[in-house]
Amino acid sequence: MLYATMCEFDESFFIWATKETVLLLVHLALNSSASLMVSMIYRYISLRQSNIKTITAVLMCLAAYVIPFSLILPHMGLTYSTNVTEADQITHHMVPNIEKYSTVVSANILQLPILWSMFCCIVLLVPIYATMYVCRWKILTLLVKATFVHSQQTKLSIERFVKALTVQSLVPILSIFPAAVAYSLIQSGVLRPQLFSYFIVPCIGVGPAVDPLITIYYVAPYRHFVNATLLSQLFITPDAQHAQSRMKNKT
């Protein structure tokens, strides 16, 4: 694994900030997938049982967060090297002019933190997505049954919620999976190491950036709050602006 920069920042701070930023992005992306899975499971259970206790929902959320949280602690013991010669040997001299970079950091990918991160972002996503889509299929099947006793408005709300979760579930597919595949190809020597900075880091940053926007668009309370807040700022009448300026002058 290789981080490199031409910038003249403090080396120790740059290394720490880069490592923590990448870890944060991976953590948020994985947490997004786990949260979507729990949301699907909870929605399906709530349709079958109307008396779900609050403690049950809280325990489900905490159980889902165990996997993303497990990424944090192992990385505290991650060891790395700032030796340029060693990094050049690890990358098989594939990075041109590597000695001109102000900071070069390399790490052994066989360390537990890196192996666990790769396992979570590649292997564990398969059962997570399988669970999500099984629950989605069961929810939609249950909604079309004649025995579904809830009102039409409740049915429409559930359908919108399931649609929102489905759209959100596509985001990690477009962010985590390409990044994980690219990282594996880099380590196997198929792709060049520079792709880490130019593709993988921006790719895993897509999920944390897009997820809130999808939530605001599909979830009515959030959408109404954002619309009301933005509209109140965009459409302030001249009288209101004059009154605000007078209040500021008095203070």
C-alpha atoms as a PDB file:
ATOM      1  CA  MET A   1       0.000   0.000   0.000  1.00  0.00           C
ATOM      2  CA  LEU A   2       1.447   3.340  -1.024  1.00  0.00           C
ATOM      3  CA  TYR A   3       0.679   6.962  -0.202  1.00  0.00           C
ATOM      4  CA  ALA A   4       2.672   9.703  -1.906  1.00  0.00           C
ATOM      5  CA  THR A   5       2.508  13.488  -2.184  1.00  0.00           C
ATOM      6  CA  MET A   6       4.510  16.351  -3.628  1.00  0.00           C
ATOM      7  CA  CYS A   7       3.220  18.785  -0.991  1.00  0.00           C
ATOM      8  CA  GLU A   8       5.513  20.212   1.661  1.00  0.00           C
ATOM      9  CA  PHE A   9       3.396  19.356   4.706  1.00  0.00           C
ATOM     10  CA  ASP A  10       4.714  18.054   7.987  1.00  0.00           C
ATOM     11  CA  GLU A  11       5.433  14.385   7.308  1.00  0.00           C
ATOM     12  CA  SER A  12       4.042  12.879  10.502  1.00  0.00           C
ATOM     13  CA  PHE A  13       0.825  14.908  10.287  1.00  0.00           C
ATOM     14  CA  PHE A  14       0.356  14.040   6.620  1.00  0.00           C
ATOM     15  CA  ILE A  15       0.765  10.324   7.303  1.00  0.00           C
ATOM     16  CA  TRP A  16      -1.678  10.427  10.208  1.00  0.00           C
ATOM     17  CA  ALA A  17      -4.239  12.544   8.333  1.00  0.00           C
ATOM     18  CA  THR A  18      -4.095  10.369   5.206  1.00  0.00           C
ATOM     19  CA  LYS A  19      -4.470   7.126   7.146  1.00  0.00           C
ATOM     20  CA  GLU A  20      -7.349   8.454   9.241  1.00  0.00           C
ATOM     21  CA  THR A  21      -9.146   9.933   6.223  1.00  0.00           C
ATOM     22  CA  VAL A  22      -9.032   6.687   4.266  1.00  0.00           C
ATOM     23  CA  LEU A  23     -10.117   4.732   7.352  1.00  0.00           C
ATOM     24  CA  LEU A  24     -13.004   7.148   7.947  1.00  0.00           C
ATOM     25  CA  LEU A  25     -14.230   6.850   4.354  1.00  0.00           C
ATOM     26  CA  VAL A  26     -14.089   3.043   4.423  1.00  0.00           C
ATOM     27  CA  HIS A  27     -15.798   3.012   7.825  1.00  0.00           C
ATOM     28  CA  LEU A  28     -18.630   5.278   6.636  1.00  0.00           C
ATOM     29  CA  ALA A  29     -19.112   3.332   3.414  1.00  0.00           C
ATOM     30  CA  LEU A  30     -19.301  -0.002   5.231  1.00  0.00           C
ATOM     31  CA  ASN A  31     -21.571   1.458   7.908  1.00  0.00           C
ATOM     32  CA  SER A  32     -23.895   2.694   5.163  1.00  0.00           C
ATOM     33  CA  SER A  33     -24.309  -0.835   3.801  1.00  0.00           C
ATOM     34  CA  ALA A  34     -24.857  -2.317   7.269  1.00  0.00           C
ATOM     35  CA  SER A  35     -27.431   0.373   8.104  1.00  0.00           C
ATOM     36  CA  LEU A  36     -29.344  -0.298   4.894  1.00  0.00           C
ATOM     37  CA  MET A  37     -29.437  -4.001   5.719  1.00  0.00           C
ATOM     38  CA  VAL A  38     -30.807  -3.327   9.205  1.00  0.00           C
ATOM     39  CA  SER A  39     -33.403  -0.932   7.787  1.00  0.00           C
ATOM     40  CA  MET A  40     -34.651  -3.588   5.377  1.00  0.00           C
ATOM     41  CA  ILE A  41     -34.767  -6.231   8.118  1.00  0.00           C
ATOM     42  CA  TYR A  42     -36.574  -3.898  10.519  1.00  0.00           C
ATOM     43  CA  ARG A  43     -39.136  -2.882   7.894  1.00  0.00           C
ATOM     44  CA  TYR A  44     -39.906  -6.503   7.082  1.00  0.00           C
ATOM     45  CA  ILE A  45     -40.230  -7.485  10.747  1.00  0.00           C
ATOM     46  CA  SER A  46     -42.435  -4.459  11.461  1.00  0.00           C
ATOM     47  CA  LEU A  47     -44.855  -5.612   8.759  1.00  0.00           C
ATOM     48  CA  ARG A  48     -45.082  -9.050  10.321  1.00  0.00           C
ATOM     49  CA  GLN A  49     -45.131  -7.908  13.946  1.00  0.00           C
ATOM     50  CA  SER A  50     -46.601  -4.565  14.939  1.00  0.00           C
ATOM     51  CA  ASN A  51     -45.327  -4.585  18.530  1.00  0.00           C
ATOM     52  CA  ILE A  52     -41.563  -4.331  18.102  1.00  0.00           C
ATOM     53  CA  LYS A  53     -39.942  -2.956  21.239  1.00  0.00           C
ATOM     54  CA  THR A  54     -37.592   0.013  21.125  1.00  0.00           C
ATOM     55  CA  ILE A  55     -34.815  -1.968  22.773  1.00  0.00           C
ATOM     56  CA  THR A  56     -35.024  -4.504  19.934  1.00  0.00           C
ATOM     57  CA  ALA A  57     -34.501  -1.798  17.309  1.00  0.00           C
ATOM     58  CA  VAL A  58     -31.590  -0.316  19.286  1.00  0.00           C
ATOM     59  CA  LEU A  59     -29.919  -3.715  19.626  1.00  0.00           C
ATOM     60  CA  MET A  60     -30.304  -4.302  15.885  1.00  0.00           C
ATOM     61  CA  CYS A  61     -28.559  -0.991  15.148  1.00  0.00           C
ATOM     62  CA  LEU A  62     -25.748  -1.721  17.605  1.00  0.00           C
ATOM     63  CA  ALA A  63     -25.260  -5.213  16.178  1.00  0.00           C
ATOM     64  CA  ALA A  64     -24.977  -3.788  12.659  1.00  0.00           C
ATOM     65  CA  TYR A  65     -22.397  -1.220  13.810  1.00  0.00           C
ATOM     66  CA  VAL A  66     -20.095  -3.898  15.220  1.00  0.00           C
ATOM     67  CA  ILE A  67     -18.587  -4.625  11.789  1.00  0.00           C
ATOM     68  CA  PRO A  68     -17.786  -0.986  10.823  1.00  0.00           C
ATOM     69  CA  PHE A  69     -16.482  -0.318  14.337  1.00  0.00           C
ATOM     70  CA  SER A  70     -14.214  -3.360  14.112  1.00  0.00           C
ATOM     71  CA  LEU A  71     -12.221  -1.541  11.410  1.00  0.00           C
ATOM     72  CA  ILE A  72     -11.091   1.174  13.820  1.00  0.00           C
ATOM     73  CA  LEU A  73      -9.316  -0.653  16.646  1.00  0.00           C
ATOM     74  CA  PRO A  74      -6.998  -2.892  14.554  1.00  0.00           C
ATOM     75  CA  HIS A  75      -5.698   0.122  12.600  1.00  0.00           C
ATOM     76  CA  MET A  76      -4.252   1.562  15.806  1.00  0.00           C
ATOM     77  CA  GLY A  77      -1.561  -1.103  15.573  1.00  0.00           C
ATOM     78  CA  LEU A  78      -0.876  -0.644  11.865  1.00  0.00           C
ATOM     79  CA  THR A  79       2.851  -0.432  11.121  1.00  0.00           C
ATOM     80  CA  TYR A  80       4.298   1.320   8.103  1.00  0.00           C
ATOM     81  CA  SER A  81       7.601   2.533   6.715  1.00  0.00           C
ATOM     82  CA  THR A  82       8.715   5.879   5.293  1.00  0.00           C
ATOM     83  CA  ASN A  83      11.756   4.412   3.575  1.00  0.00           C
ATOM     84  CA  VAL A  84      11.705   5.402  -0.107  1.00  0.00           C
ATOM     85  CA  THR A  85      13.980   2.549  -1.176  1.00  0.00           C
ATOM     86  CA  GLU A  86      11.753  -0.017   0.515  1.00  0.00           C
ATOM     87  CA  ALA A  87       8.641   1.483  -1.091  1.00  0.00           C
ATOM     88  CA  ASP A  88      10.321   1.404  -4.499  1.00  0.00           C
ATOM     89  CA  GLN A  89      11.087  -2.295  -4.059  1.00  0.00           C
ATOM     90  CA  ILE A  90       7.532  -3.071  -2.912  1.00  0.00           C
ATOM     91  CA  THR A  91       6.058  -1.405  -5.997  1.00  0.00           C
ATOM     92  CA  HIS A  92       8.614  -3.147  -8.255  1.00  0.00           C
ATOM     93  CA  HIS A  93       9.918   0.243  -9.418  1.00  0.00           C
ATOM     94  CA  MET A  94       6.578   1.025 -11.081  1.00  0.00           C
ATOM     95  CA  VAL A  95       6.313   4.575  -9.681  1.00  0.00           C
ATOM     96  CA  PRO A  96       8.454   6.950 -11.750  1.00  0.00           C
ATOM     97  CA  ASN A  97      10.589   9.466  -9.848  1.00  0.00           C
ATOM     98  CA  ILE A  98       9.444   8.099  -6.495  1.00  0.00           C
ATOM     99  CA  GLU A  99      12.504   9.612  -4.803  1.00  0.00           C
ATOM    100  CA  LYS A 100      11.231  13.112  -5.671  1.00  0.00           C
ATOM    101  CA  TYR A 101       8.117  12.770  -3.528  1.00  0.00           C
ATOM    102  CA  SER A 102       8.358  14.576  -0.219  1.00  0.00           C
ATOM    103  CA  THR A 103       6.514  11.773   1.599  1.00  0.00           C
ATOM    104  CA  VAL A 104       6.311   8.092   0.703  1.00  0.00           C
ATOM    105  CA  VAL A 105       4.692   5.594   3.060  1.00  0.00           C
ATOM    106  CA  SER A 106       4.470   1.837   2.514  1.00  0.00           C
ATOM    107  CA  ALA A 107       2.853  -0.928   4.552  1.00  0.00           C
ATOM    108  CA  ASN A 108       2.688  -4.704   4.425  1.00  0.00           C
ATOM    109  CA  ILE A 109      -0.785  -5.745   3.221  1.00  0.00           C
ATOM    110  CA  LEU A 110      -0.529  -9.005   5.174  1.00  0.00           C
ATOM    111  CA  GLN A 111      -1.091  -7.112   8.413  1.00  0.00           C
ATOM    112  CA  LEU A 112      -4.349  -7.867  10.241  1.00  0.00           C
ATOM    113  CA  PRO A 113      -5.884  -4.344   9.882  1.00  0.00           C
ATOM    114  CA  ILE A 114      -5.463  -4.332   6.095  1.00  0.00           C
ATOM    115  CA  LEU A 115      -6.585  -7.935   5.626  1.00  0.00           C
ATOM    116  CA  TRP A 116      -9.654  -7.358   7.813  1.00  0.00           C
ATOM    117  CA  SER A 117     -10.583  -4.196   5.898  1.00  0.00           C
ATOM    118  CA  MET A 118     -10.310  -6.043   2.586  1.00  0.00           C
ATOM    119  CA  PHE A 119     -12.388  -8.931   3.953  1.00  0.00           C
ATOM    120  CA  CYS A 120     -15.137  -6.591   5.193  1.00  0.00           C
ATOM    121  CA  CYS A 121     -15.282  -4.578   1.974  1.00  0.00           C
ATOM    122  CA  ILE A 122     -15.200  -7.552  -0.395  1.00  0.00           C
ATOM    123  CA  VAL A 123     -16.457 -10.744   1.267  1.00  0.00           C
ATOM    124  CA  LEU A 124     -18.898  -9.443   3.893  1.00  0.00           C
ATOM    125  CA  LEU A 125     -20.713  -7.218   1.408  1.00  0.00           C
ATOM    126  CA  VAL A 126     -22.034 -10.322  -0.355  1.00  0.00           C
ATOM    127  CA  PRO A 127     -24.184 -11.619   2.567  1.00  0.00           C
ATOM    128  CA  ILE A 128     -25.130  -8.038   3.470  1.00  0.00           C
ATOM    129  CA  TYR A 129     -26.535  -7.383   0.003  1.00  0.00           C
ATOM    130  CA  ALA A 130     -28.092 -10.842  -0.187  1.00  0.00           C
ATOM    131  CA  THR A 131     -29.969 -10.166   3.062  1.00  0.00           C
ATOM    132  CA  MET A 132     -31.085  -6.749   1.826  1.00  0.00           C
ATOM    133  CA  TYR A 133     -32.538  -8.008  -1.426  1.00  0.00           C
ATOM    134  CA  VAL A 134     -34.222 -11.034   0.168  1.00  0.00           C
ATOM    135  CA  CYS A 135     -35.931  -8.688   2.638  1.00  0.00           C
ATOM    136  CA  ARG A 136     -36.837  -6.328  -0.203  1.00  0.00           C
ATOM    137  CA  TRP A 137     -38.429  -9.164  -2.157  1.00  0.00           C
ATOM    138  CA  LYS A 138     -40.363 -10.351   0.908  1.00  0.00           C
ATOM    139  CA  ILE A 139     -41.602  -6.815   1.664  1.00  0.00           C
ATOM    140  CA  LEU A 140     -42.865  -6.206  -1.863  1.00  0.00           C
ATOM    141  CA  THR A 141     -44.449  -9.668  -1.948  1.00  0.00           C
ATOM    142  CA  LEU A 142     -46.208  -8.993   1.338  1.00  0.00           C
ATOM    143  CA  LEU A 143     -47.556  -5.646   0.114  1.00  0.00           C
ATOM    144  CA  VAL A 144     -49.360  -7.173  -2.870  1.00  0.00           C
ATOM    145  CA  LYS A 145     -51.056  -9.891  -0.849  1.00  0.00           C
ATOM    146  CA  ALA A 146     -54.777  -9.541  -0.219  1.00  0.00           C
ATOM    147  CA  THR A 147     -54.204 -10.270   3.463  1.00  0.00           C
ATOM    148  CA  PHE A 148     -52.228  -7.034   3.907  1.00  0.00           C
ATOM    149  CA  VAL A 149     -54.446  -5.127   6.359  1.00  0.00           C
ATOM    150  CA  HIS A 150     -52.746  -1.723   6.523  1.00  0.00           C
ATOM    151  CA  SER A 151     -54.209   1.370   4.882  1.00  0.00           C
ATOM    152  CA  GLN A 152     -53.393   2.446   1.339  1.00  0.00           C
ATOM    153  CA  GLN A 153     -51.428   5.437   2.653  1.00  0.00           C
ATOM    154  CA  THR A 154     -49.306   3.150   4.835  1.00  0.00           C
ATOM    155  CA  LYS A 155     -48.721   0.873   1.867  1.00  0.00           C
ATOM    156  CA  LEU A 156     -47.563   3.793  -0.298  1.00  0.00           C
ATOM    157  CA  SER A 157     -45.257   5.033   2.470  1.00  0.00           C
ATOM    158  CA  ILE A 158     -43.676   1.598   2.816  1.00  0.00           C
ATOM    159  CA  GLU A 159     -43.217   1.332  -0.952  1.00  0.00           C
ATOM    160  CA  ARG A 160     -41.475   4.723  -1.028  1.00  0.00           C
ATOM    161  CA  PHE A 161     -39.261   3.704   1.873  1.00  0.00           C
ATOM    162  CA  VAL A 162     -38.285   0.449   0.171  1.00  0.00           C
ATOM    163  CA  LYS A 163     -37.556   2.357  -3.045  1.00  0.00           C
ATOM    164  CA  ALA A 164     -35.327   4.779  -1.129  1.00  0.00           C
ATOM    165  CA  LEU A 165     -33.412   1.917   0.485  1.00  0.00           C
ATOM    166  CA  THR A 166     -33.046   0.233  -2.903  1.00  0.00           C
ATOM    167  CA  VAL A 167     -31.576   3.373  -4.465  1.00  0.00           C
ATOM    168  CA  GLN A 168     -29.285   3.868  -1.471  1.00  0.00           C
ATOM    169  CA  SER A 169     -28.109   0.270  -1.733  1.00  0.00           C
ATOM    170  CA  LEU A 170     -26.848   0.978  -5.254  1.00  0.00           C
ATOM    171  CA  VAL A 171     -24.435   3.647  -3.994  1.00  0.00           C
ATOM    172  CA  PRO A 172     -21.984   1.262  -2.266  1.00  0.00           C
ATOM    173  CA  ILE A 173     -22.023  -0.941  -5.376  1.00  0.00           C
ATOM    174  CA  LEU A 174     -20.747   2.052  -7.345  1.00  0.00           C
ATOM    175  CA  SER A 175     -18.253   3.114  -4.664  1.00  0.00           C
ATOM    176  CA  ILE A 176     -16.978   0.225  -2.531  1.00  0.00           C
ATOM    177  CA  PHE A 177     -16.910  -2.607  -5.065  1.00  0.00           C
ATOM    178  CA  PRO A 178     -14.898  -0.764  -7.771  1.00  0.00           C
ATOM    179  CA  ALA A 179     -12.463   0.523  -5.141  1.00  0.00           C
ATOM    180  CA  ALA A 180     -12.033  -2.933  -3.594  1.00  0.00           C
ATOM    181  CA  VAL A 181     -11.494  -4.584  -6.981  1.00  0.00           C
ATOM    182  CA  ALA A 182      -9.015  -1.885  -8.023  1.00  0.00           C
ATOM    183  CA  TYR A 183      -7.120  -2.265  -4.733  1.00  0.00           C
ATOM    184  CA  SER A 184      -6.891  -6.037  -5.199  1.00  0.00           C
ATOM    185  CA  LEU A 185      -5.640  -5.596  -8.773  1.00  0.00           C
ATOM    186  CA  ILE A 186      -3.032  -3.084  -7.583  1.00  0.00           C
ATOM    187  CA  GLN A 187      -1.712  -5.519  -4.991  1.00  0.00           C
ATOM    188  CA  SER A 188      -1.567  -8.301  -7.580  1.00  0.00           C
ATOM    189  CA  GLY A 189       0.440  -6.077  -9.930  1.00  0.00           C
ATOM    190  CA  VAL A 190      -2.200  -5.780 -12.655  1.00  0.00           C
ATOM    191  CA  LEU A 191      -2.772  -2.040 -12.111  1.00  0.00           C
ATOM    192  CA  ARG A 192      -0.324   0.711 -11.221  1.00  0.00           C
ATOM    193  CA  PRO A 193      -0.096   1.938  -7.584  1.00  0.00           C
ATOM    194  CA  GLN A 194      -0.881   5.541  -8.563  1.00  0.00           C
ATOM    195  CA  LEU A 195      -4.496   4.461  -9.041  1.00  0.00           C
ATOM    196  CA  PHE A 196      -4.851   4.414  -5.248  1.00  0.00           C
ATOM    197  CA  SER A 197      -4.748   8.195  -5.046  1.00  0.00           C
ATOM    198  CA  TYR A 198      -6.499   9.003  -8.318  1.00  0.00           C
ATOM    199  CA  PHE A 199      -9.344   6.458  -8.230  1.00  0.00           C
ATOM    200  CA  ILE A 200      -9.764   4.504  -4.991  1.00  0.00           C
ATOM    201  CA  VAL A 201      -9.868   7.374  -2.483  1.00  0.00           C
ATOM    202  CA  PRO A 202     -12.348   9.487  -4.520  1.00  0.00           C
ATOM    203  CA  CYS A 203     -14.383   6.345  -5.214  1.00  0.00           C
ATOM    204  CA  ILE A 204     -14.924   5.392  -1.565  1.00  0.00           C
ATOM    205  CA  GLY A 205     -15.798   9.009  -0.831  1.00  0.00           C
ATOM    206  CA  VAL A 206     -18.849   8.820  -3.102  1.00  0.00           C
ATOM    207  CA  GLY A 207     -21.004   6.899  -0.617  1.00  0.00           C
ATOM    208  CA  PRO A 208     -20.736   9.248   2.400  1.00  0.00           C
ATOM    209  CA  ALA A 209     -21.347  12.221   0.088  1.00  0.00           C
ATOM    210  CA  VAL A 210     -24.320  10.855  -1.874  1.00  0.00           C
ATOM    211  CA  ASP A 211     -26.161   8.938   0.877  1.00  0.00           C
ATOM    212  CA  PRO A 212     -27.388  12.057   2.745  1.00  0.00           C
ATOM    213  CA  LEU A 213     -28.671  13.554  -0.518  1.00  0.00           C
ATOM    214  CA  ILE A 214     -30.688  10.415  -1.287  1.00  0.00           C
ATOM    215  CA  THR A 215     -32.103  10.415   2.244  1.00  0.00           C
ATOM    216  CA  ILE A 216     -33.139  14.060   1.937  1.00  0.00           C
ATOM    217  CA  TYR A 217     -34.789  13.389  -1.425  1.00  0.00           C
ATOM    218  CA  TYR A 218     -36.798  10.307  -0.419  1.00  0.00           C
ATOM    219  CA  VAL A 219     -37.547  10.809   3.300  1.00  0.00           C
ATOM    220  CA  ALA A 220     -40.352  13.366   3.582  1.00  0.00           C
ATOM    221  CA  PRO A 221     -39.501  14.910   7.021  1.00  0.00           C
ATOM    222  CA  TYR A 222     -35.910  15.609   5.980  1.00  0.00           C
ATOM    223  CA  ARG A 223     -36.996  16.891   2.573  1.00  0.00           C
ATOM    224  CA  HIS A 224     -39.594  19.244   4.078  1.00  0.00           C
ATOM    225  CA  PHE A 225     -37.094  20.559   6.629  1.00  0.00           C
ATOM    226  CA  VAL A 226     -34.421  21.247   3.997  1.00  0.00           C
ATOM    227  CA  ASN A 227     -36.944  22.860   1.639  1.00  0.00           C
ATOM    228  CA  ALA A 228     -38.337  25.055   4.394  1.00  0.00           C
ATOM    229  CA  THR A 229     -34.853  26.084   5.522  1.00  0.00           C
ATOM    230  CA  LEU A 230     -33.599  26.880   2.022  1.00  0.00           C
ATOM    231  CA  LEU A 231     -36.775  28.647   0.943  1.00  0.00           C
ATOM    232  CA  SER A 232     -36.787  30.769   4.079  1.00  0.00           C
ATOM    233  CA  GLN A 233     -33.256  31.923   3.236  1.00  0.00           C
ATOM    234  CA  LEU A 234     -33.814  32.423  -0.508  1.00  0.00           C
ATOM    235  CA  PHE A 235     -37.128  34.235  -0.374  1.00  0.00           C
ATOM    236  CA  ILE A 236     -36.663  36.789   2.386  1.00  0.00           C
ATOM    237  CA  THR A 237     -38.731  39.871   1.590  1.00  0.00           C
ATOM    238  CA  PRO A 238     -37.073  43.322   1.402  1.00  0.00           C
ATOM    239  CA  ASP A 239     -39.027  44.398   4.502  1.00  0.00           C
ATOM    240  CA  ALA A 240     -37.684  41.434   6.434  1.00  0.00           C
ATOM    241  CA  GLN A 241     -34.137  42.165   5.266  1.00  0.00           C
ATOM    242  CA  HIS A 242     -34.547  45.810   6.307  1.00  0.00           C
ATOM    243  CA  ALA A 243     -35.858  44.748   9.708  1.00  0.00           C
ATOM    244  CA  GLN A 244     -32.924  42.369  10.188  1.00  0.00           C
ATOM    245  CA  SER A 245     -30.416  45.069   9.275  1.00  0.00           C
ATOM    246  CA  ARG A 246     -32.065  47.474  11.732  1.00  0.00           C
ATOM    247  CA  MET A 247     -31.845  44.881  14.488  1.00  0.00           C
ATOM    248  CA  LYS A 248     -28.150  44.340  13.750  1.00  0.00           C
ATOM    249  CA  ASN A 249     -27.493  48.096  13.810  1.00  0.00           C
ATOM    250  CA  LYS A 250     -29.192  48.397  17.196  1.00  0.00           C
ATOM    251  CA  THR A 251     -27.083  45.610  18.647  1.00  0.00           C
END
